[in-house]
Amino acid sequence: MPHDIEPRLLRAFAATAEELHFTRAAARLFVAQQALSRDVRRLEQRLGAELFVRTTRQVTLTAEGARLLPYARRVLAAHDELAAAFARGERPLIVDSATVGVTGRVLAAARLAVPDHELVARFHSGLTGAAREILAGRLDVSFGRLAGLDPAVRARLDHVPVRYEPMAVLLPEGHRLAALPEVPLAALAGETLYAAAGNEATAEWTDLAERLFEGRGIGVAAPFPEIEGDGEFVRVVRKRGWSVLASVEFLDVPGMVLRPLTDPVPLSPVSMVWRRGLRHPGLDALRAAVRELAARHGWLTRPAGAWLPAEDAAVMAGR
């Protein structure tokens, strides 16, 4: 049995096993592909086993590689936990946060609570993409719909429920429903709404939209390339004349109106998510802010008769 396997070799293996693509794995770890391949070969030599089947078309795990992966993940998680424990408060906590809505308020409250620690905001457009960044060590905390993630990814994350956020629809001012103070779901029958289809980073949101629209005669707009930044979102949405599935706290778009959805009220479940084993005073402050704000504003109270997939309800309840 080999001893003293460097975490770097295990990290190279785990990234390649999760991406099943050497170029993407190297980019994820910010190393040259040749260096990544060399580390994987070195690990194979140390273990005396082939870990991948490589062809010109694809990369797959061997039986030995599949057997190693859960062990490698546990070792890396322990290594990250050790590093975090001794870097406690010495590095900035990187938080994926929107500038409006629940995540912005949680971040602002946490910053006030720990002014001597740096909480740096980054902006991803979805939890699916942010979770990859968290597991790669490039991001610490994010917010979003946890039930929309792959169970294997969820197993490597910790979370606390933050809010059941009522959903809304963003409509052009001239839309037939724009004059209503709130829009019944049935009134959207025959409409097509943009729900970020085509953006892999927001797959959990598109999935939630498809579940909500099923059987109601509401369509999801055709896949479109990822839209980065509020300004570009506003430009594309207005140019294409889309109606947009949103939440009740959303950015202002000139020429469009935001209307809450009703009958039933559909809910977007928001959790705060971080890498299992992470320790940092900023994370403690974020968790305290979530508890205080959720209690004060009733964020975790579900309206009677509200729509929420059973899987989401179970995840938010910690089951």
C-alpha atoms as a PDB file:
ATOM      1  CA  MET A   1       0.000   0.000   0.000  1.00  0.00           C
ATOM      2  CA  PRO A   2       1.538   3.383  -1.015  1.00  0.00           C
ATOM      3  CA  HIS A   3       2.100   6.025   1.628  1.00  0.00           C
ATOM      4  CA  ASP A   4       2.382   9.831   1.550  1.00  0.00           C
ATOM      5  CA  ILE A   5       0.488  10.427  -1.696  1.00  0.00           C
ATOM      6  CA  GLU A   6       0.605  14.165  -2.304  1.00  0.00           C
ATOM      7  CA  PRO A   7      -2.816  15.868  -2.251  1.00  0.00           C
ATOM      8  CA  ARG A   8      -1.872  17.514  -5.569  1.00  0.00           C
ATOM      9  CA  LEU A   9      -1.926  14.112  -7.287  1.00  0.00           C
ATOM     10  CA  LEU A  10      -5.289  13.240  -5.787  1.00  0.00           C
ATOM     11  CA  ARG A  11      -6.663  16.654  -6.779  1.00  0.00           C
ATOM     12  CA  ALA A  12      -5.527  16.121 -10.366  1.00  0.00           C
ATOM     13  CA  PHE A  13      -7.186  12.692 -10.386  1.00  0.00           C
ATOM     14  CA  ALA A  14     -10.455  13.923  -8.827  1.00  0.00           C
ATOM     15  CA  ALA A  15     -10.790  16.871 -11.219  1.00  0.00           C
ATOM     16  CA  THR A  16     -10.181  14.619 -14.220  1.00  0.00           C
ATOM     17  CA  ALA A  17     -12.609  11.996 -12.888  1.00  0.00           C
ATOM     18  CA  GLU A  18     -15.330  14.626 -12.464  1.00  0.00           C
ATOM     19  CA  GLU A  19     -14.751  16.376 -15.804  1.00  0.00           C
ATOM     20  CA  LEU A  20     -13.780  13.227 -17.795  1.00  0.00           C
ATOM     21  CA  HIS A  21     -11.776  15.630 -19.932  1.00  0.00           C
ATOM     22  CA  PHE A  22      -8.111  16.489 -19.353  1.00  0.00           C
ATOM     23  CA  THR A  23      -8.285  19.978 -20.864  1.00  0.00           C
ATOM     24  CA  ARG A  24     -11.294  21.018 -18.759  1.00  0.00           C
ATOM     25  CA  ALA A  25      -9.778  19.492 -15.630  1.00  0.00           C
ATOM     26  CA  ALA A  26      -6.525  21.385 -16.185  1.00  0.00           C
ATOM     27  CA  ALA A  27      -8.421  24.658 -16.682  1.00  0.00           C
ATOM     28  CA  ARG A  28     -10.395  24.031 -13.502  1.00  0.00           C
ATOM     29  CA  LEU A  29      -7.160  23.598 -11.523  1.00  0.00           C
ATOM     30  CA  PHE A  30      -5.349  26.425 -13.302  1.00  0.00           C
ATOM     31  CA  VAL A  31      -2.514  24.160 -14.440  1.00  0.00           C
ATOM     32  CA  ALA A  32      -1.127  23.174 -17.825  1.00  0.00           C
ATOM     33  CA  GLN A  33      -2.654  20.055 -19.341  1.00  0.00           C
ATOM     34  CA  GLN A  34       0.783  18.437 -19.558  1.00  0.00           C
ATOM     35  CA  ALA A  35       1.298  18.983 -15.812  1.00  0.00           C
ATOM     36  CA  LEU A  36      -2.106  17.498 -15.029  1.00  0.00           C
ATOM     37  CA  SER A  37      -1.437  14.436 -17.201  1.00  0.00           C
ATOM     38  CA  ARG A  38       1.956  14.002 -15.550  1.00  0.00           C
ATOM     39  CA  ASP A  39       0.379  14.074 -12.068  1.00  0.00           C
ATOM     40  CA  VAL A  40      -2.252  11.528 -13.072  1.00  0.00           C
ATOM     41  CA  ARG A  41       0.428   9.220 -14.504  1.00  0.00           C
ATOM     42  CA  ARG A  42       2.500   9.631 -11.339  1.00  0.00           C
ATOM     43  CA  LEU A  43      -0.486   8.661  -9.194  1.00  0.00           C
ATOM     44  CA  GLU A  44      -1.132   5.614 -11.387  1.00  0.00           C
ATOM     45  CA  GLN A  45       2.500   4.591 -10.930  1.00  0.00           C
ATOM     46  CA  ARG A  46       2.306   5.051  -7.152  1.00  0.00           C
ATOM     47  CA  LEU A  47      -0.857   2.938  -6.968  1.00  0.00           C
ATOM     48  CA  GLY A  48       0.197   0.411  -9.601  1.00  0.00           C
ATOM     49  CA  ALA A  49      -3.152   0.741 -11.339  1.00  0.00           C
ATOM     50  CA  GLU A  50      -4.648   2.309 -14.457  1.00  0.00           C
ATOM     51  CA  LEU A  51      -7.190   4.921 -13.393  1.00  0.00           C
ATOM     52  CA  PHE A  52      -8.483   6.096 -16.774  1.00  0.00           C
ATOM     53  CA  VAL A  53      -9.182   4.656 -20.193  1.00  0.00           C
ATOM     54  CA  ARG A  54      -8.031   7.276 -22.673  1.00  0.00           C
ATOM     55  CA  THR A  55      -9.050   7.327 -26.337  1.00  0.00           C
ATOM     56  CA  THR A  56      -9.050  10.098 -28.930  1.00  0.00           C
ATOM     57  CA  ARG A  57     -12.792  10.519 -28.355  1.00  0.00           C
ATOM     58  CA  GLN A  58     -13.314  10.193 -24.624  1.00  0.00           C
ATOM     59  CA  VAL A  59     -11.910   9.627 -21.157  1.00  0.00           C
ATOM     60  CA  THR A  60     -13.566   7.124 -18.813  1.00  0.00           C
ATOM     61  CA  LEU A  61     -12.790   5.778 -15.355  1.00  0.00           C
ATOM     62  CA  THR A  62     -11.499   2.244 -14.965  1.00  0.00           C
ATOM     63  CA  ALA A  63     -12.904   0.059 -12.192  1.00  0.00           C
ATOM     64  CA  GLU A  64      -9.861   0.982 -10.078  1.00  0.00           C
ATOM     65  CA  GLY A  65     -10.425   4.659 -10.801  1.00  0.00           C
ATOM     66  CA  ALA A  66     -14.071   4.421  -9.754  1.00  0.00           C
ATOM     67  CA  ARG A  67     -12.994   2.641  -6.556  1.00  0.00           C
ATOM     68  CA  LEU A  68     -10.440   5.330  -5.750  1.00  0.00           C
ATOM     69  CA  LEU A  69     -12.693   8.367  -6.339  1.00  0.00           C
ATOM     70  CA  PRO A  70     -14.712   8.361  -3.078  1.00  0.00           C
ATOM     71  CA  TYR A  71     -11.516   7.835  -1.052  1.00  0.00           C
ATOM     72  CA  ALA A  72      -9.771  10.670  -2.893  1.00  0.00           C
ATOM     73  CA  ARG A  73     -12.705  12.989  -2.235  1.00  0.00           C
ATOM     74  CA  ARG A  74     -12.651  12.232   1.479  1.00  0.00           C
ATOM     75  CA  VAL A  75      -8.892  12.791   1.703  1.00  0.00           C
ATOM     76  CA  LEU A  76      -9.150  16.097  -0.185  1.00  0.00           C
ATOM     77  CA  ALA A  77     -12.063  17.259   1.962  1.00  0.00           C
ATOM     78  CA  ALA A  78     -10.031  16.517   5.093  1.00  0.00           C
ATOM     79  CA  HIS A  79      -7.018  18.297   3.615  1.00  0.00           C
ATOM     80  CA  ASP A  80      -9.142  21.356   2.766  1.00  0.00           C
ATOM     81  CA  GLU A  81     -10.650  21.337   6.247  1.00  0.00           C
ATOM     82  CA  LEU A  82      -7.178  21.266   7.792  1.00  0.00           C
ATOM     83  CA  ALA A  83      -6.008  24.120   5.588  1.00  0.00           C
ATOM     84  CA  ALA A  84      -9.116  26.147   6.379  1.00  0.00           C
ATOM     85  CA  ALA A  85      -8.712  25.595  10.121  1.00  0.00           C
ATOM     86  CA  PHE A  86      -5.216  27.078  10.107  1.00  0.00           C
ATOM     87  CA  ALA A  87      -6.070  29.852   7.681  1.00  0.00           C
ATOM     88  CA  ARG A  88      -9.062  30.844   9.827  1.00  0.00           C
ATOM     89  CA  GLY A  89      -9.728  34.498   9.182  1.00  0.00           C
ATOM     90  CA  GLU A  90      -6.434  34.976   7.363  1.00  0.00           C
ATOM     91  CA  ARG A  91      -7.879  34.950   3.858  1.00  0.00           C
ATOM     92  CA  PRO A  92     -10.961  36.589   2.366  1.00  0.00           C
ATOM     93  CA  LEU A  93     -14.140  34.523   2.172  1.00  0.00           C
ATOM     94  CA  ILE A  94     -15.360  34.477  -1.426  1.00  0.00           C
ATOM     95  CA  VAL A  95     -19.150  34.730  -1.590  1.00  0.00           C
ATOM     96  CA  ASP A  96     -21.343  34.355  -4.652  1.00  0.00           C
ATOM     97  CA  SER A  97     -24.023  37.001  -4.186  1.00  0.00           C
ATOM     98  CA  ALA A  98     -26.539  39.016  -6.154  1.00  0.00           C
ATOM     99  CA  THR A  99     -26.575  42.779  -5.693  1.00  0.00           C
ATOM    100  CA  VAL A 100     -30.344  42.715  -5.017  1.00  0.00           C
ATOM    101  CA  GLY A 101     -32.582  40.466  -2.983  1.00  0.00           C
ATOM    102  CA  VAL A 102     -31.995  38.000  -0.205  1.00  0.00           C
ATOM    103  CA  THR A 103     -28.336  37.212  -0.902  1.00  0.00           C
ATOM    104  CA  GLY A 104     -27.333  40.849  -0.945  1.00  0.00           C
ATOM    105  CA  ARG A 105     -29.043  41.448   2.403  1.00  0.00           C
ATOM    106  CA  VAL A 106     -27.406  38.417   4.016  1.00  0.00           C
ATOM    107  CA  LEU A 107     -23.966  39.508   2.805  1.00  0.00           C
ATOM    108  CA  ALA A 108     -24.482  43.092   3.986  1.00  0.00           C
ATOM    109  CA  ALA A 109     -25.543  41.941   7.473  1.00  0.00           C
ATOM    110  CA  ALA A 110     -22.583  39.569   7.768  1.00  0.00           C
ATOM    111  CA  ARG A 111     -20.125  42.288   6.765  1.00  0.00           C
ATOM    112  CA  LEU A 112     -21.473  44.533   9.514  1.00  0.00           C
ATOM    113  CA  ALA A 113     -21.068  41.730  12.052  1.00  0.00           C
ATOM    114  CA  VAL A 114     -17.418  40.963  11.214  1.00  0.00           C
ATOM    115  CA  PRO A 115     -15.888  44.215   9.934  1.00  0.00           C
ATOM    116  CA  ASP A 116     -12.348  42.932  10.518  1.00  0.00           C
ATOM    117  CA  HIS A 117     -12.816  40.044   8.089  1.00  0.00           C
ATOM    118  CA  GLU A 118     -13.087  40.376   4.336  1.00  0.00           C
ATOM    119  CA  LEU A 119     -16.101  38.914   2.536  1.00  0.00           C
ATOM    120  CA  VAL A 120     -15.497  39.331  -1.189  1.00  0.00           C
ATOM    121  CA  ALA A 121     -18.508  39.179  -3.500  1.00  0.00           C
ATOM    122  CA  ARG A 122     -18.437  37.375  -6.829  1.00  0.00           C
ATOM    123  CA  PHE A 123     -21.351  37.013  -9.179  1.00  0.00           C
ATOM    124  CA  HIS A 124     -22.326  33.705 -10.785  1.00  0.00           C
ATOM    125  CA  SER A 125     -25.597  33.268 -12.603  1.00  0.00           C
ATOM    126  CA  GLY A 126     -26.596  29.938 -11.088  1.00  0.00           C
ATOM    127  CA  LEU A 127     -25.921  27.444  -8.321  1.00  0.00           C
ATOM    128  CA  THR A 128     -25.029  24.639 -10.736  1.00  0.00           C
ATOM    129  CA  GLY A 129     -22.032  26.610 -11.987  1.00  0.00           C
ATOM    130  CA  ALA A 130     -21.208  27.999  -8.559  1.00  0.00           C
ATOM    131  CA  ALA A 131     -21.171  24.511  -7.004  1.00  0.00           C
ATOM    132  CA  ARG A 132     -18.450  23.458  -9.432  1.00  0.00           C
ATOM    133  CA  GLU A 133     -16.428  26.486  -8.365  1.00  0.00           C
ATOM    134  CA  ILE A 134     -16.969  25.678  -4.672  1.00  0.00           C
ATOM    135  CA  LEU A 135     -15.787  22.094  -5.066  1.00  0.00           C
ATOM    136  CA  ALA A 136     -12.778  23.283  -7.067  1.00  0.00           C
ATOM    137  CA  GLY A 137     -11.842  25.648  -4.216  1.00  0.00           C
ATOM    138  CA  ARG A 138     -12.313  28.851  -6.229  1.00  0.00           C
ATOM    139  CA  LEU A 139     -15.458  29.936  -4.388  1.00  0.00           C
ATOM    140  CA  ASP A 140     -16.541  29.477  -0.778  1.00  0.00           C
ATOM    141  CA  VAL A 141     -20.253  30.243  -0.482  1.00  0.00           C
ATOM    142  CA  SER A 142     -23.191  30.524  -2.861  1.00  0.00           C
ATOM    143  CA  PHE A 143     -26.986  30.702  -2.783  1.00  0.00           C
ATOM    144  CA  GLY A 144     -29.642  28.890  -4.778  1.00  0.00           C
ATOM    145  CA  ARG A 145     -31.831  25.836  -5.300  1.00  0.00           C
ATOM    146  CA  LEU A 146     -29.937  22.930  -3.766  1.00  0.00           C
ATOM    147  CA  ALA A 147     -32.389  20.235  -4.887  1.00  0.00           C
ATOM    148  CA  GLY A 148     -31.492  21.039  -8.493  1.00  0.00           C
ATOM    149  CA  LEU A 149     -27.921  19.788  -8.043  1.00  0.00           C
ATOM    150  CA  ASP A 150     -26.697  16.261  -8.711  1.00  0.00           C
ATOM    151  CA  PRO A 151     -26.934  14.186  -5.488  1.00  0.00           C
ATOM    152  CA  ALA A 152     -23.206  13.388  -5.690  1.00  0.00           C
ATOM    153  CA  VAL A 153     -22.472  17.138  -5.660  1.00  0.00           C
ATOM    154  CA  ARG A 154     -24.952  17.799  -2.847  1.00  0.00           C
ATOM    155  CA  ALA A 155     -23.220  15.149  -0.741  1.00  0.00           C
ATOM    156  CA  ARG A 156     -20.037  17.230  -0.722  1.00  0.00           C
ATOM    157  CA  LEU A 157     -21.762  20.449   0.353  1.00  0.00           C
ATOM    158  CA  ASP A 158     -23.285  21.816   3.536  1.00  0.00           C
ATOM    159  CA  HIS A 159     -26.254  24.177   3.486  1.00  0.00           C
ATOM    160  CA  VAL A 160     -28.843  26.067   5.500  1.00  0.00           C
ATOM    161  CA  PRO A 161     -32.285  27.029   4.168  1.00  0.00           C
ATOM    162  CA  VAL A 162     -32.627  30.777   3.654  1.00  0.00           C
ATOM    163  CA  ARG A 163     -35.946  31.567   2.005  1.00  0.00           C
ATOM    164  CA  TYR A 164     -38.941  30.296   0.109  1.00  0.00           C
ATOM    165  CA  GLU A 165     -38.894  33.128  -2.428  1.00  0.00           C
ATOM    166  CA  PRO A 166     -42.176  33.771  -4.301  1.00  0.00           C
ATOM    167  CA  MET A 167     -41.761  33.679  -8.060  1.00  0.00           C
ATOM    168  CA  ALA A 168     -42.795  36.375 -10.507  1.00  0.00           C
ATOM    169  CA  VAL A 169     -42.942  37.139 -14.199  1.00  0.00           C
ATOM    170  CA  LEU A 170     -41.153  40.027 -15.923  1.00  0.00           C
ATOM    171  CA  LEU A 171     -43.337  41.360 -18.742  1.00  0.00           C
ATOM    172  CA  PRO A 172     -42.932  44.008 -21.465  1.00  0.00           C
ATOM    173  CA  GLU A 173     -45.024  47.059 -20.566  1.00  0.00           C
ATOM    174  CA  GLY A 174     -47.281  46.445 -23.577  1.00  0.00           C
ATOM    175  CA  HIS A 175     -47.977  42.807 -22.699  1.00  0.00           C
ATOM    176  CA  ARG A 176     -51.628  41.798 -22.327  1.00  0.00           C
ATOM    177  CA  LEU A 177     -51.055  40.878 -18.662  1.00  0.00           C
ATOM    178  CA  ALA A 178     -48.865  43.829 -17.684  1.00  0.00           C
ATOM    179  CA  ALA A 179     -51.757  45.874 -16.221  1.00  0.00           C
ATOM    180  CA  LEU A 180     -52.601  43.171 -13.669  1.00  0.00           C
ATOM    181  CA  PRO A 181     -51.212  43.667 -10.125  1.00  0.00           C
ATOM    182  CA  GLU A 182     -50.490  39.924 -10.009  1.00  0.00           C
ATOM    183  CA  VAL A 183     -50.629  37.214 -12.656  1.00  0.00           C
ATOM    184  CA  PRO A 184     -52.453  33.898 -12.130  1.00  0.00           C
ATOM    185  CA  LEU A 185     -50.447  30.993 -13.502  1.00  0.00           C
ATOM    186  CA  ALA A 186     -53.394  29.925 -15.651  1.00  0.00           C
ATOM    187  CA  ALA A 187     -53.271  33.296 -17.440  1.00  0.00           C
ATOM    188  CA  LEU A 188     -49.822  32.381 -18.817  1.00  0.00           C
ATOM    189  CA  ALA A 189     -51.183  29.424 -20.823  1.00  0.00           C
ATOM    190  CA  GLY A 190     -49.952  29.771 -24.391  1.00  0.00           C
ATOM    191  CA  GLU A 191     -47.040  32.033 -23.356  1.00  0.00           C
ATOM    192  CA  THR A 192     -43.348  31.247 -23.733  1.00  0.00           C
ATOM    193  CA  LEU A 193     -41.050  32.491 -20.952  1.00  0.00           C
ATOM    194  CA  TYR A 194     -37.297  32.803 -20.818  1.00  0.00           C
ATOM    195  CA  ALA A 195     -35.947  30.570 -18.014  1.00  0.00           C
ATOM    196  CA  ALA A 196     -32.208  30.491 -18.842  1.00  0.00           C
ATOM    197  CA  ALA A 197     -32.390  27.348 -20.988  1.00  0.00           C
ATOM    198  CA  GLY A 198     -29.033  26.820 -22.669  1.00  0.00           C
ATOM    199  CA  ASN A 199     -27.044  28.151 -19.722  1.00  0.00           C
ATOM    200  CA  GLU A 200     -25.427  25.144 -18.007  1.00  0.00           C
ATOM    201  CA  ALA A 201     -24.587  27.222 -14.937  1.00  0.00           C
ATOM    202  CA  THR A 202     -28.298  27.775 -14.195  1.00  0.00           C
ATOM    203  CA  ALA A 203     -29.601  24.286 -14.952  1.00  0.00           C
ATOM    204  CA  GLU A 204     -31.313  24.101 -11.553  1.00  0.00           C
ATOM    205  CA  TRP A 205     -33.449  27.172 -12.397  1.00  0.00           C
ATOM    206  CA  THR A 206     -34.445  25.879 -15.828  1.00  0.00           C
ATOM    207  CA  ASP A 207     -35.412  22.561 -14.240  1.00  0.00           C
ATOM    208  CA  LEU A 208     -37.603  24.353 -11.681  1.00  0.00           C
ATOM    209  CA  ALA A 209     -39.299  26.307 -14.481  1.00  0.00           C
ATOM    210  CA  GLU A 210     -40.002  23.156 -16.484  1.00  0.00           C
ATOM    211  CA  ARG A 211     -41.563  21.520 -13.421  1.00  0.00           C
ATOM    212  CA  LEU A 212     -43.734  24.587 -12.824  1.00  0.00           C
ATOM    213  CA  PHE A 213     -44.845  24.907 -16.465  1.00  0.00           C
ATOM    214  CA  GLU A 214     -45.620  21.219 -16.963  1.00  0.00           C
ATOM    215  CA  GLY A 215     -49.311  20.673 -17.664  1.00  0.00           C
ATOM    216  CA  ARG A 216     -50.064  24.395 -17.642  1.00  0.00           C
ATOM    217  CA  GLY A 217     -49.499  25.116 -21.329  1.00  0.00           C
ATOM    218  CA  ILE A 218     -46.538  27.419 -20.629  1.00  0.00           C
ATOM    219  CA  GLY A 219     -43.430  27.030 -22.775  1.00  0.00           C
ATOM    220  CA  VAL A 220     -39.746  27.562 -22.012  1.00  0.00           C
ATOM    221  CA  ALA A 221     -37.935  29.807 -24.497  1.00  0.00           C
ATOM    222  CA  ALA A 222     -35.477  27.992 -26.754  1.00  0.00           C
ATOM    223  CA  PRO A 223     -31.890  27.591 -25.457  1.00  0.00           C
ATOM    224  CA  PHE A 224     -29.824  30.748 -25.710  1.00  0.00           C
ATOM    225  CA  PRO A 225     -26.123  31.323 -24.905  1.00  0.00           C
ATOM    226  CA  GLU A 226     -25.249  32.309 -21.345  1.00  0.00           C
ATOM    227  CA  ILE A 227     -25.953  35.993 -20.701  1.00  0.00           C
ATOM    228  CA  GLU A 228     -23.311  37.614 -18.482  1.00  0.00           C
ATOM    229  CA  GLY A 229     -24.019  40.777 -16.512  1.00  0.00           C
ATOM    230  CA  ASP A 230     -27.135  42.804 -15.782  1.00  0.00           C
ATOM    231  CA  GLY A 231     -26.550  45.208 -18.668  1.00  0.00           C
ATOM    232  CA  GLU A 232     -26.312  42.428 -21.232  1.00  0.00           C
ATOM    233  CA  PHE A 233     -29.352  40.700 -19.740  1.00  0.00           C
ATOM    234  CA  VAL A 234     -31.411  43.876 -20.095  1.00  0.00           C
ATOM    235  CA  ARG A 235     -30.235  44.389 -23.684  1.00  0.00           C
ATOM    236  CA  VAL A 236     -30.955  40.826 -24.822  1.00  0.00           C
ATOM    237  CA  VAL A 237     -34.323  40.512 -23.076  1.00  0.00           C
ATOM    238  CA  ARG A 238     -35.602  43.801 -24.457  1.00  0.00           C
ATOM    239  CA  LYS A 239     -34.291  43.133 -27.956  1.00  0.00           C
ATOM    240  CA  ARG A 240     -35.914  39.692 -28.112  1.00  0.00           C
ATOM    241  CA  GLY A 241     -39.148  40.802 -26.460  1.00  0.00           C
ATOM    242  CA  TRP A 242     -39.066  37.966 -23.952  1.00  0.00           C
ATOM    243  CA  SER A 243     -41.240  37.549 -20.902  1.00  0.00           C
ATOM    244  CA  VAL A 244     -39.046  36.172 -18.114  1.00  0.00           C
ATOM    245  CA  LEU A 245     -39.640  33.826 -15.187  1.00  0.00           C
ATOM    246  CA  ALA A 246     -38.168  35.634 -12.169  1.00  0.00           C
ATOM    247  CA  SER A 247     -38.539  36.041  -8.421  1.00  0.00           C
ATOM    248  CA  VAL A 248     -40.259  38.878  -6.576  1.00  0.00           C
ATOM    249  CA  GLU A 249     -36.905  40.585  -5.937  1.00  0.00           C
ATOM    250  CA  PHE A 250     -35.336  41.211  -9.320  1.00  0.00           C
ATOM    251  CA  LEU A 251     -33.364  43.858 -11.141  1.00  0.00           C
ATOM    252  CA  ASP A 252     -35.229  46.772 -12.723  1.00  0.00           C
ATOM    253  CA  VAL A 253     -35.531  46.473 -16.490  1.00  0.00           C
ATOM    254  CA  PRO A 254     -36.619  49.686 -18.274  1.00  0.00           C
ATOM    255  CA  GLY A 255     -39.755  49.138 -20.320  1.00  0.00           C
ATOM    256  CA  MET A 256     -40.755  46.039 -18.350  1.00  0.00           C
ATOM    257  CA  VAL A 257     -42.846  45.335 -15.246  1.00  0.00           C
ATOM    258  CA  LEU A 258     -42.460  42.665 -12.565  1.00  0.00           C
ATOM    259  CA  ARG A 259     -45.636  40.909 -11.444  1.00  0.00           C
ATOM    260  CA  PRO A 260     -45.931  38.234  -8.717  1.00  0.00           C
ATOM    261  CA  LEU A 261     -47.408  34.880  -9.756  1.00  0.00           C
ATOM    262  CA  THR A 262     -50.451  33.472  -7.962  1.00  0.00           C
ATOM    263  CA  ASP A 263     -53.037  30.669  -7.904  1.00  0.00           C
ATOM    264  CA  PRO A 264     -50.932  28.951  -6.628  1.00  0.00           C
ATOM    265  CA  VAL A 265     -47.969  31.033  -5.478  1.00  0.00           C
ATOM    266  CA  PRO A 266     -44.895  29.211  -6.870  1.00  0.00           C
ATOM    267  CA  LEU A 267     -41.851  29.232  -4.613  1.00  0.00           C
ATOM    268  CA  SER A 268     -38.159  29.307  -5.460  1.00  0.00           C
ATOM    269  CA  PRO A 269     -36.300  27.610  -2.562  1.00  0.00           C
ATOM    270  CA  VAL A 270     -33.056  29.393  -1.653  1.00  0.00           C
ATOM    271  CA  SER A 271     -30.323  27.768   0.432  1.00  0.00           C
ATOM    272  CA  MET A 272     -26.903  29.058   1.437  1.00  0.00           C
ATOM    273  CA  VAL A 273     -24.338  26.486   0.299  1.00  0.00           C
ATOM    274  CA  TRP A 274     -20.675  25.941   1.118  1.00  0.00           C
ATOM    275  CA  ARG A 275     -17.991  23.267   0.846  1.00  0.00           C
ATOM    276  CA  ARG A 276     -18.263  20.640   3.567  1.00  0.00           C
ATOM    277  CA  GLY A 277     -15.623  21.188   6.258  1.00  0.00           C
ATOM    278  CA  LEU A 278     -15.140  24.914   5.543  1.00  0.00           C
ATOM    279  CA  ARG A 279     -14.299  26.982   8.626  1.00  0.00           C
ATOM    280  CA  HIS A 280     -14.148  30.786   8.581  1.00  0.00           C
ATOM    281  CA  PRO A 281     -15.457  33.619  10.795  1.00  0.00           C
ATOM    282  CA  GLY A 282     -17.166  35.075   7.705  1.00  0.00           C
ATOM    283  CA  LEU A 283     -19.127  31.846   7.231  1.00  0.00           C
ATOM    284  CA  ASP A 284     -20.201  31.965  10.883  1.00  0.00           C
ATOM    285  CA  ALA A 285     -21.389  35.541  10.338  1.00  0.00           C
ATOM    286  CA  LEU A 286     -23.309  34.590   7.196  1.00  0.00           C
ATOM    287  CA  ARG A 287     -25.072  31.741   8.998  1.00  0.00           C
ATOM    288  CA  ALA A 288     -26.006  34.042  11.874  1.00  0.00           C
ATOM    289  CA  ALA A 289     -27.309  36.635   9.393  1.00  0.00           C
ATOM    290  CA  VAL A 290     -29.438  33.989   7.684  1.00  0.00           C
ATOM    291  CA  ARG A 291     -30.976  32.930  10.999  1.00  0.00           C
ATOM    292  CA  GLU A 292     -31.730  36.492  12.073  1.00  0.00           C
ATOM    293  CA  LEU A 293     -33.104  37.748   8.744  1.00  0.00           C
ATOM    294  CA  ALA A 294     -35.171  34.629   8.062  1.00  0.00           C
ATOM    295  CA  ALA A 295     -36.785  34.874  11.495  1.00  0.00           C
ATOM    296  CA  ARG A 296     -37.385  38.617  11.236  1.00  0.00           C
ATOM    297  CA  HIS A 297     -38.927  38.528   7.752  1.00  0.00           C
ATOM    298  CA  GLY A 298     -40.615  35.124   7.843  1.00  0.00           C
ATOM    299  CA  TRP A 299     -38.571  33.902   4.895  1.00  0.00           C
ATOM    300  CA  LEU A 300     -39.082  30.239   5.778  1.00  0.00           C
ATOM    301  CA  THR A 301     -42.872  30.477   6.161  1.00  0.00           C
ATOM    302  CA  ARG A 302     -44.618  28.875   3.189  1.00  0.00           C
ATOM    303  CA  PRO A 303     -47.883  30.507   2.054  1.00  0.00           C
ATOM    304  CA  ALA A 304     -50.895  28.216   2.281  1.00  0.00           C
ATOM    305  CA  GLY A 305     -51.365  26.245  -0.937  1.00  0.00           C
ATOM    306  CA  ALA A 306     -48.047  27.392  -2.404  1.00  0.00           C
ATOM    307  CA  TRP A 307     -46.422  25.336  -5.175  1.00  0.00           C
ATOM    308  CA  LEU A 308     -43.105  23.634  -4.373  1.00  0.00           C
ATOM    309  CA  PRO A 309     -41.751  20.320  -5.704  1.00  0.00           C
ATOM    310  CA  ALA A 310     -41.714  17.565  -3.063  1.00  0.00           C
ATOM    311  CA  GLU A 311     -37.971  17.037  -3.540  1.00  0.00           C
ATOM    312  CA  ASP A 312     -37.286  20.704  -2.816  1.00  0.00           C
ATOM    313  CA  ALA A 313     -39.453  20.594   0.293  1.00  0.00           C
ATOM    314  CA  ALA A 314     -37.496  17.571   1.542  1.00  0.00           C
ATOM    315  CA  VAL A 315     -34.091  19.168   0.899  1.00  0.00           C
ATOM    316  CA  MET A 316     -35.115  22.425   2.588  1.00  0.00           C
ATOM    317  CA  ALA A 317     -36.303  20.386   5.583  1.00  0.00           C
ATOM    318  CA  GLY A 318     -32.917  18.650   5.787  1.00  0.00           C
ATOM    319  CA  ARG A 319     -34.144  15.250   4.622  1.00  0.00           C
END
